[in-house]
Amino acid sequence: MTYSGRIQKGQIILDQPVRLAEGVRVEVEVIVAERPEALSSPCASRIPGQFAGQISLSSNFDTWPEEFQEAWGLKS
């Protein structure tokens, strides 16, 4: 027997209700026929806040080095 369904909040939700006896062993085969855009994004595995407190910016992060300023004519 084959039943179709989707993952929803970490659980398998079948498309149609199925009555199975308690303790019956089942096998789950993952089929990636449709892939939501969010999952195909390179940032999909990013966890917001995972680097909190580990990254800091230099006090002069928004100031160009003098060599660049001179080369681009921003400073005389």
PDB file of N, CA and C in Angstrom:
ATOM      1  N   MET A   1       0.839  -1.180   0.000  1.00  0.00           N
ATOM      2  CA  MET A   1       0.000   0.000   0.000  1.00  0.00           C
ATOM      3  C   MET A   1       0.885   1.245   0.000  1.00  0.00           C
ATOM      4  N   THR A   2       0.463   2.229  -0.750  1.00  0.00           N
ATOM      5  CA  THR A   2       1.180   3.501  -0.792  1.00  0.00           C
ATOM      6  C   THR A   2       0.213   4.624  -0.460  1.00  0.00           C
ATOM      7  N   TYR A   3       0.615   5.496   0.432  1.00  0.00           N
ATOM      8  CA  TYR A   3      -0.194   6.647   0.820  1.00  0.00           C
ATOM      9  C   TYR A   3       0.621   7.903   0.553  1.00  0.00           C
ATOM     10  N   SER A   4      -0.040   8.952   0.125  1.00  0.00           N
ATOM     11  CA  SER A   4       0.648  10.218  -0.144  1.00  0.00           C
ATOM     12  C   SER A   4       0.339  11.212   0.968  1.00  0.00           C
ATOM     13  N   GLY A   5       1.275  12.117   1.173  1.00  0.00           N
ATOM     14  CA  GLY A   5       1.070  13.141   2.189  1.00  0.00           C
ATOM     15  C   GLY A   5       2.156  14.195   2.114  1.00  0.00           C
ATOM     16  N   ARG A   6       2.204  15.034   3.122  1.00  0.00           N
ATOM     17  CA  ARG A   6       3.180  16.122   3.179  1.00  0.00           C
ATOM     18  C   ARG A   6       3.671  16.270   4.613  1.00  0.00           C
ATOM     19  N   ILE A   7       4.822  16.905   4.749  1.00  0.00           N
ATOM     20  CA  ILE A   7       5.337  17.243   6.068  1.00  0.00           C
ATOM     21  C   ILE A   7       4.724  18.575   6.476  1.00  0.00           C
ATOM     22  N   GLN A   8       4.190  18.642   7.678  1.00  0.00           N
ATOM     23  CA  GLN A   8       3.577  19.864   8.185  1.00  0.00           C
ATOM     24  C   GLN A   8       3.974  19.984   9.662  1.00  0.00           C
ATOM     25  N   LYS A   9       4.736  21.042   9.967  1.00  0.00           N
ATOM     26  CA  LYS A   9       5.221  21.265  11.335  1.00  0.00           C
ATOM     27  C   LYS A   9       5.950  20.040  11.869  1.00  0.00           C
ATOM     28  N   GLY A  10       6.743  19.417  11.007  1.00  0.00           N
ATOM     29  CA  GLY A  10       7.569  18.288  11.428  1.00  0.00           C
ATOM     30  C   GLY A  10       6.862  16.953  11.506  1.00  0.00           C
ATOM     31  N   GLN A  11       5.608  16.879  11.117  1.00  0.00           N
ATOM     32  CA  GLN A  11       4.875  15.620  11.161  1.00  0.00           C
ATOM     33  C   GLN A  11       4.387  15.248   9.771  1.00  0.00           C
ATOM     34  N   ILE A  12       4.205  13.960   9.547  1.00  0.00           N
ATOM     35  CA  ILE A  12       3.686  13.495   8.265  1.00  0.00           C
ATOM     36  C   ILE A  12       2.163  13.563   8.323  1.00  0.00           C
ATOM     37  N   ILE A  13       1.573  14.319   7.397  1.00  0.00           N
ATOM     38  CA  ILE A  13       0.121  14.431   7.300  1.00  0.00           C
ATOM     39  C   ILE A  13      -0.298  13.769   5.989  1.00  0.00           C
ATOM     40  N   LEU A  14      -1.071  12.700   6.088  1.00  0.00           N
ATOM     41  CA  LEU A  14      -1.505  11.981   4.892  1.00  0.00           C
ATOM     42  C   LEU A  14      -2.643  12.730   4.214  1.00  0.00           C
ATOM     43  N   ASP A  15      -2.694  12.617   2.875  1.00  0.00           N
ATOM     44  CA  ASP A  15      -3.747  13.283   2.106  1.00  0.00           C
ATOM     45  C   ASP A  15      -5.127  12.708   2.432  1.00  0.00           C
ATOM     46  N   GLN A  16      -5.196  11.420   2.673  1.00  0.00           N
ATOM     47  CA  GLN A  16      -6.461  10.755   3.000  1.00  0.00           C
ATOM     48  C   GLN A  16      -6.299  10.051   4.356  1.00  0.00           C
ATOM     49  N   PRO A  17      -7.336  10.076   5.196  1.00  0.00           N
ATOM     50  CA  PRO A  17      -7.245   9.381   6.489  1.00  0.00           C
ATOM     51  C   PRO A  17      -7.024   7.875   6.286  1.00  0.00           C
ATOM     52  N   VAL A  18      -6.202   7.298   7.136  1.00  0.00           N
ATOM     53  CA  VAL A  18      -5.899   5.867   7.043  1.00  0.00           C
ATOM     54  C   VAL A  18      -6.001   5.276   8.448  1.00  0.00           C
ATOM     55  N   ARG A  19      -6.676   4.156   8.567  1.00  0.00           N
ATOM     56  CA  ARG A  19      -6.762   3.485   9.867  1.00  0.00           C
ATOM     57  C   ARG A  19      -5.747   2.345   9.872  1.00  0.00           C
ATOM     58  N   LEU A  20      -4.770   2.481  10.726  1.00  0.00           N
ATOM     59  CA  LEU A  20      -3.771   1.422  10.894  1.00  0.00           C
ATOM     60  C   LEU A  20      -3.756   1.023  12.362  1.00  0.00           C
ATOM     61  N   ALA A  21      -3.491  -0.256  12.616  1.00  0.00           N
ATOM     62  CA  ALA A  21      -3.441  -0.743  13.990  1.00  0.00           C
ATOM     63  C   ALA A  21      -2.247  -0.127  14.723  1.00  0.00           C
ATOM     64  N   GLU A  22      -2.422   0.143  15.992  1.00  0.00           N
ATOM     65  CA  GLU A  22      -1.357   0.696  16.818  1.00  0.00           C
ATOM     66  C   GLU A  22      -0.139  -0.229  16.764  1.00  0.00           C
ATOM     67  N   GLY A  23       1.024   0.335  16.553  1.00  0.00           N
ATOM     68  CA  GLY A  23       2.269  -0.431  16.536  1.00  0.00           C
ATOM     69  C   GLY A  23       2.654  -0.985  15.178  1.00  0.00           C
ATOM     70  N   VAL A  24       1.814  -0.798  14.161  1.00  0.00           N
ATOM     71  CA  VAL A  24       2.146  -1.277  12.820  1.00  0.00           C
ATOM     72  C   VAL A  24       3.377  -0.517  12.325  1.00  0.00           C
ATOM     73  N   ARG A  25       4.350  -1.254  11.834  1.00  0.00           N
ATOM     74  CA  ARG A  25       5.563  -0.617  11.317  1.00  0.00           C
ATOM     75  C   ARG A  25       5.303  -0.090   9.911  1.00  0.00           C
ATOM     76  N   VAL A  26       5.873   1.067   9.621  1.00  0.00           N
ATOM     77  CA  VAL A  26       5.716   1.680   8.300  1.00  0.00           C
ATOM     78  C   VAL A  26       7.082   2.132   7.804  1.00  0.00           C
ATOM     79  N   GLU A  27       7.193   2.323   6.509  1.00  0.00           N
ATOM     80  CA  GLU A  27       8.389   2.898   5.895  1.00  0.00           C
ATOM     81  C   GLU A  27       7.986   4.189   5.216  1.00  0.00           C
ATOM     82  N   VAL A  28       8.862   5.186   5.293  1.00  0.00           N
ATOM     83  CA  VAL A  28       8.586   6.481   4.677  1.00  0.00           C
ATOM     84  C   VAL A  28       9.624   6.718   3.597  1.00  0.00           C
ATOM     85  N   GLU A  29       9.156   6.994   2.385  1.00  0.00           N
ATOM     86  CA  GLU A  29      10.044   7.313   1.263  1.00  0.00           C
ATOM     87  C   GLU A  29       9.832   8.776   0.902  1.00  0.00           C
ATOM     88  N   VAL A  30      10.914   9.534   0.901  1.00  0.00           N
ATOM     89  CA  VAL A  30      10.817  10.951   0.572  1.00  0.00           C
ATOM     90  C   VAL A  30      10.902  11.128  -0.933  1.00  0.00           C
ATOM     91  N   ILE A  31       9.921  11.834  -1.499  1.00  0.00           N
ATOM     92  CA  ILE A  31       9.880  12.105  -2.931  1.00  0.00           C
ATOM     93  C   ILE A  31       9.858  13.615  -3.101  1.00  0.00           C
ATOM     94  N   VAL A  32      10.860  14.147  -3.754  1.00  0.00           N
ATOM     95  CA  VAL A  32      10.927  15.599  -3.949  1.00  0.00           C
ATOM     96  C   VAL A  32      10.459  15.905  -5.368  1.00  0.00           C
ATOM     97  N   ALA A  33       9.137  15.870  -5.548  1.00  0.00           N
ATOM     98  CA  ALA A  33       8.558  16.173  -6.851  1.00  0.00           C
ATOM     99  C   ALA A  33       8.335  17.670  -6.983  1.00  0.00           C
ATOM    100  N   GLU A  34       7.887  18.285  -5.906  1.00  0.00           N
ATOM    101  CA  GLU A  34       7.677  19.729  -5.875  1.00  0.00           C
ATOM    102  C   GLU A  34       8.612  20.268  -4.807  1.00  0.00           C
ATOM    103  N   ARG A  35       9.284  21.335  -5.125  1.00  0.00           N
ATOM    104  CA  ARG A  35      10.201  21.900  -4.159  1.00  0.00           C
ATOM    105  C   ARG A  35       9.894  23.381  -3.982  1.00  0.00           C
ATOM    106  N   PRO A  36       9.400  23.796  -2.824  1.00  0.00           N
ATOM    107  CA  PRO A  36       9.118  25.208  -2.607  1.00  0.00           C
ATOM    108  C   PRO A  36      10.368  26.055  -2.820  1.00  0.00           C
ATOM    109  N   GLU A  37      10.194  27.266  -3.343  1.00  0.00           N
ATOM    110  CA  GLU A  37      11.320  28.173  -3.611  1.00  0.00           C
ATOM    111  C   GLU A  37      12.192  28.374  -2.387  1.00  0.00           C
ATOM    112  N   ALA A  38      11.582  28.510  -1.226  1.00  0.00           N
ATOM    113  CA  ALA A  38      12.353  28.774  -0.012  1.00  0.00           C
ATOM    114  C   ALA A  38      13.375  27.670   0.246  1.00  0.00           C
ATOM    115  N   LEU A  39      13.025  26.407  -0.065  1.00  0.00           N
ATOM    116  CA  LEU A  39      13.947  25.316   0.184  1.00  0.00           C
ATOM    117  C   LEU A  39      15.081  25.262  -0.828  1.00  0.00           C
ATOM    118  N   SER A  40      14.887  25.823  -2.024  1.00  0.00           N
ATOM    119  CA  SER A  40      15.935  25.783  -3.025  1.00  0.00           C
ATOM    120  C   SER A  40      16.878  26.978  -2.891  1.00  0.00           C
ATOM    121  N   SER A  41      16.572  27.890  -2.000  1.00  0.00           N
ATOM    122  CA  SER A  41      17.404  29.071  -1.777  1.00  0.00           C
ATOM    123  C   SER A  41      18.677  28.688  -1.035  1.00  0.00           C
ATOM    124  N   PRO A  42      19.827  29.322  -1.369  1.00  0.00           N
ATOM    125  CA  PRO A  42      21.054  29.022  -0.634  1.00  0.00           C
ATOM    126  C   PRO A  42      20.968  29.427   0.826  1.00  0.00           C
ATOM    127  N   CYS A  43      20.039  30.293   1.178  1.00  0.00           N
ATOM    128  CA  CYS A  43      19.902  30.749   2.562  1.00  0.00           C
ATOM    129  C   CYS A  43      18.901  29.908   3.344  1.00  0.00           C
ATOM    130  N   ALA A  44      18.367  28.870   2.737  1.00  0.00           N
ATOM    131  CA  ALA A  44      17.323  28.088   3.392  1.00  0.00           C
ATOM    132  C   ALA A  44      17.785  27.473   4.701  1.00  0.00           C
ATOM    133  N   SER A  45      19.054  27.084   4.790  1.00  0.00           N
ATOM    134  CA  SER A  45      19.542  26.443   5.997  1.00  0.00           C
ATOM    135  C   SER A  45      20.010  27.443   7.045  1.00  0.00           C
ATOM    136  N   ARG A  46      19.906  28.733   6.772  1.00  0.00           N
ATOM    137  CA  ARG A  46      20.353  29.757   7.709  1.00  0.00           C
ATOM    138  C   ARG A  46      19.402  29.820   8.903  1.00  0.00           C
ATOM    139  N   ILE A  47      19.966  29.892  10.086  1.00  0.00           N
ATOM    140  CA  ILE A  47      19.173  30.005  11.301  1.00  0.00           C
ATOM    141  C   ILE A  47      19.337  31.429  11.823  1.00  0.00           C
ATOM    142  N   PRO A  48      18.257  32.223  11.825  1.00  0.00           N
ATOM    143  CA  PRO A  48      18.371  33.596  12.301  1.00  0.00           C
ATOM    144  C   PRO A  48      18.950  33.656  13.714  1.00  0.00           C
ATOM    145  N   GLY A  49      19.943  34.523  13.877  1.00  0.00           N
ATOM    146  CA  GLY A  49      20.557  34.714  15.187  1.00  0.00           C
ATOM    147  C   GLY A  49      21.644  33.713  15.531  1.00  0.00           C
ATOM    148  N   GLN A  50      22.000  32.829  14.605  1.00  0.00           N
ATOM    149  CA  GLN A  50      22.971  31.786  14.925  1.00  0.00           C
ATOM    150  C   GLN A  50      24.366  32.334  15.232  1.00  0.00           C
ATOM    151  N   PHE A  51      24.661  33.559  14.790  1.00  0.00           N
ATOM    152  CA  PHE A  51      25.965  34.151  15.063  1.00  0.00           C
ATOM    153  C   PHE A  51      25.877  35.323  16.039  1.00  0.00           C
ATOM    154  N   ALA A  52      24.776  35.433  16.750  1.00  0.00           N
ATOM    155  CA  ALA A  52      24.576  36.546  17.685  1.00  0.00           C
ATOM    156  C   ALA A  52      25.724  36.590  18.691  1.00  0.00           C
ATOM    157  N   GLY A  53      26.297  37.779  18.849  1.00  0.00           N
ATOM    158  CA  GLY A  53      27.381  37.968  19.805  1.00  0.00           C
ATOM    159  C   GLY A  53      28.738  37.511  19.314  1.00  0.00           C
ATOM    160  N   GLN A  54      28.814  36.940  18.114  1.00  0.00           N
ATOM    161  CA  GLN A  54      30.084  36.439  17.593  1.00  0.00           C
ATOM    162  C   GLN A  54      30.682  37.344  16.528  1.00  0.00           C
ATOM    163  N   ILE A  55      29.908  38.291  16.036  1.00  0.00           N
ATOM    164  CA  ILE A  55      30.369  39.166  14.960  1.00  0.00           C
ATOM    165  C   ILE A  55      30.326  40.601  15.443  1.00  0.00           C
ATOM    166  N   SER A  56      31.401  41.330  15.167  1.00  0.00           N
ATOM    167  CA  SER A  56      31.407  42.750  15.521  1.00  0.00           C
ATOM    168  C   SER A  56      32.005  43.535  14.349  1.00  0.00           C
ATOM    169  N   LEU A  57      31.623  44.801  14.276  1.00  0.00           N
ATOM    170  CA  LEU A  57      32.131  45.662  13.212  1.00  0.00           C
ATOM    171  C   LEU A  57      33.229  46.563  13.755  1.00  0.00           C
ATOM    172  N   SER A  58      34.195  46.844  12.926  1.00  0.00           N
ATOM    173  CA  SER A  58      35.264  47.761  13.296  1.00  0.00           C
ATOM    174  C   SER A  58      34.671  49.145  13.518  1.00  0.00           C
ATOM    175  N   SER A  59      35.290  49.926  14.379  1.00  0.00           N
ATOM    176  CA  SER A  59      34.766  51.267  14.667  1.00  0.00           C
ATOM    177  C   SER A  59      34.797  52.170  13.442  1.00  0.00           C
ATOM    178  N   ASN A  60      35.657  51.849  12.458  1.00  0.00           N
ATOM    179  CA  ASN A  60      35.735  52.671  11.250  1.00  0.00           C
ATOM    180  C   ASN A  60      35.194  51.933  10.019  1.00  0.00           C
ATOM    181  N   PHE A  61      34.221  51.051  10.210  1.00  0.00           N
ATOM    182  CA  PHE A  61      33.730  50.237   9.099  1.00  0.00           C
ATOM    183  C   PHE A  61      33.109  51.062   7.973  1.00  0.00           C
ATOM    184  N   ASP A  62      32.641  52.278   8.262  1.00  0.00           N
ATOM    185  CA  ASP A  62      32.007  53.086   7.217  1.00  0.00           C
ATOM    186  C   ASP A  62      32.912  54.199   6.694  1.00  0.00           C
ATOM    187  N   THR A  63      34.220  54.069   6.924  1.00  0.00           N
ATOM    188  CA  THR A  63      35.189  55.050   6.444  1.00  0.00           C
ATOM    189  C   THR A  63      36.122  54.368   5.449  1.00  0.00           C
ATOM    190  N   TRP A  64      36.286  54.992   4.271  1.00  0.00           N
ATOM    191  CA  TRP A  64      37.200  54.448   3.265  1.00  0.00           C
ATOM    192  C   TRP A  64      38.646  54.669   3.702  1.00  0.00           C
ATOM    193  N   PRO A  65      39.532  53.713   3.450  1.00  0.00           N
ATOM    194  CA  PRO A  65      40.956  53.932   3.718  1.00  0.00           C
ATOM    195  C   PRO A  65      41.457  55.123   2.883  1.00  0.00           C
ATOM    196  N   GLU A  66      42.404  55.853   3.428  1.00  0.00           N
ATOM    197  CA  GLU A  66      42.918  57.053   2.750  1.00  0.00           C
ATOM    198  C   GLU A  66      43.433  56.746   1.350  1.00  0.00           C
ATOM    199  N   GLU A  67      44.064  55.595   1.149  1.00  0.00           N
ATOM    200  CA  GLU A  67      44.599  55.239  -0.181  1.00  0.00           C
ATOM    201  C   GLU A  67      43.481  55.188  -1.222  1.00  0.00           C
ATOM    202  N   PHE A  68      42.330  54.650  -0.853  1.00  0.00           N
ATOM    203  CA  PHE A  68      41.198  54.590  -1.765  1.00  0.00           C
ATOM    204  C   PHE A  68      40.649  55.980  -2.046  1.00  0.00           C
ATOM    205  N   GLN A  69      40.512  56.752  -0.999  1.00  0.00           N
ATOM    206  CA  GLN A  69      39.983  58.105  -1.163  1.00  0.00           C
ATOM    207  C   GLN A  69      40.843  58.904  -2.136  1.00  0.00           C
ATOM    208  N   GLU A  70      42.176  58.786  -1.993  1.00  0.00           N
ATOM    209  CA  GLU A  70      43.099  59.516  -2.883  1.00  0.00           C
ATOM    210  C   GLU A  70      43.017  58.967  -4.306  1.00  0.00           C
ATOM    211  N   ALA A  71      42.981  57.623  -4.448  1.00  0.00           N
ATOM    212  CA  ALA A  71      42.954  56.998  -5.773  1.00  0.00           C
ATOM    213  C   ALA A  71      41.684  57.371  -6.544  1.00  0.00           C
ATOM    214  N   TRP A  72      40.584  57.538  -5.861  1.00  0.00           N
ATOM    215  CA  TRP A  72      39.314  57.831  -6.507  1.00  0.00           C
ATOM    216  C   TRP A  72      38.981  59.320  -6.506  1.00  0.00           C
ATOM    217  N   GLY A  73      39.929  60.111  -6.069  1.00  0.00           N
ATOM    218  CA  GLY A  73      39.739  61.547  -6.100  1.00  0.00           C
ATOM    219  C   GLY A  73      38.763  62.062  -5.059  1.00  0.00           C
ATOM    220  N   LEU A  74      38.563  61.307  -4.002  1.00  0.00           N
ATOM    221  CA  LEU A  74      37.640  61.731  -2.955  1.00  0.00           C
ATOM    222  C   LEU A  74      38.339  62.618  -1.916  1.00  0.00           C
ATOM    223  N   LYS A  75      39.652  62.545  -1.946  1.00  0.00           N
ATOM    224  CA  LYS A  75      40.421  63.315  -0.974  1.00  0.00           C
ATOM    225  C   LYS A  75      41.595  63.956  -1.726  1.00  0.00           C
ATOM    226  N   SER A  76      41.848  65.208  -1.438  1.00  0.00           N
ATOM    227  CA  SER A  76      42.957  65.867  -2.146  1.00  0.00           C
ATOM    228  C   SER A  76      44.187  65.975  -1.278  1.00  0.00           C
TER     229      SER A  76
END
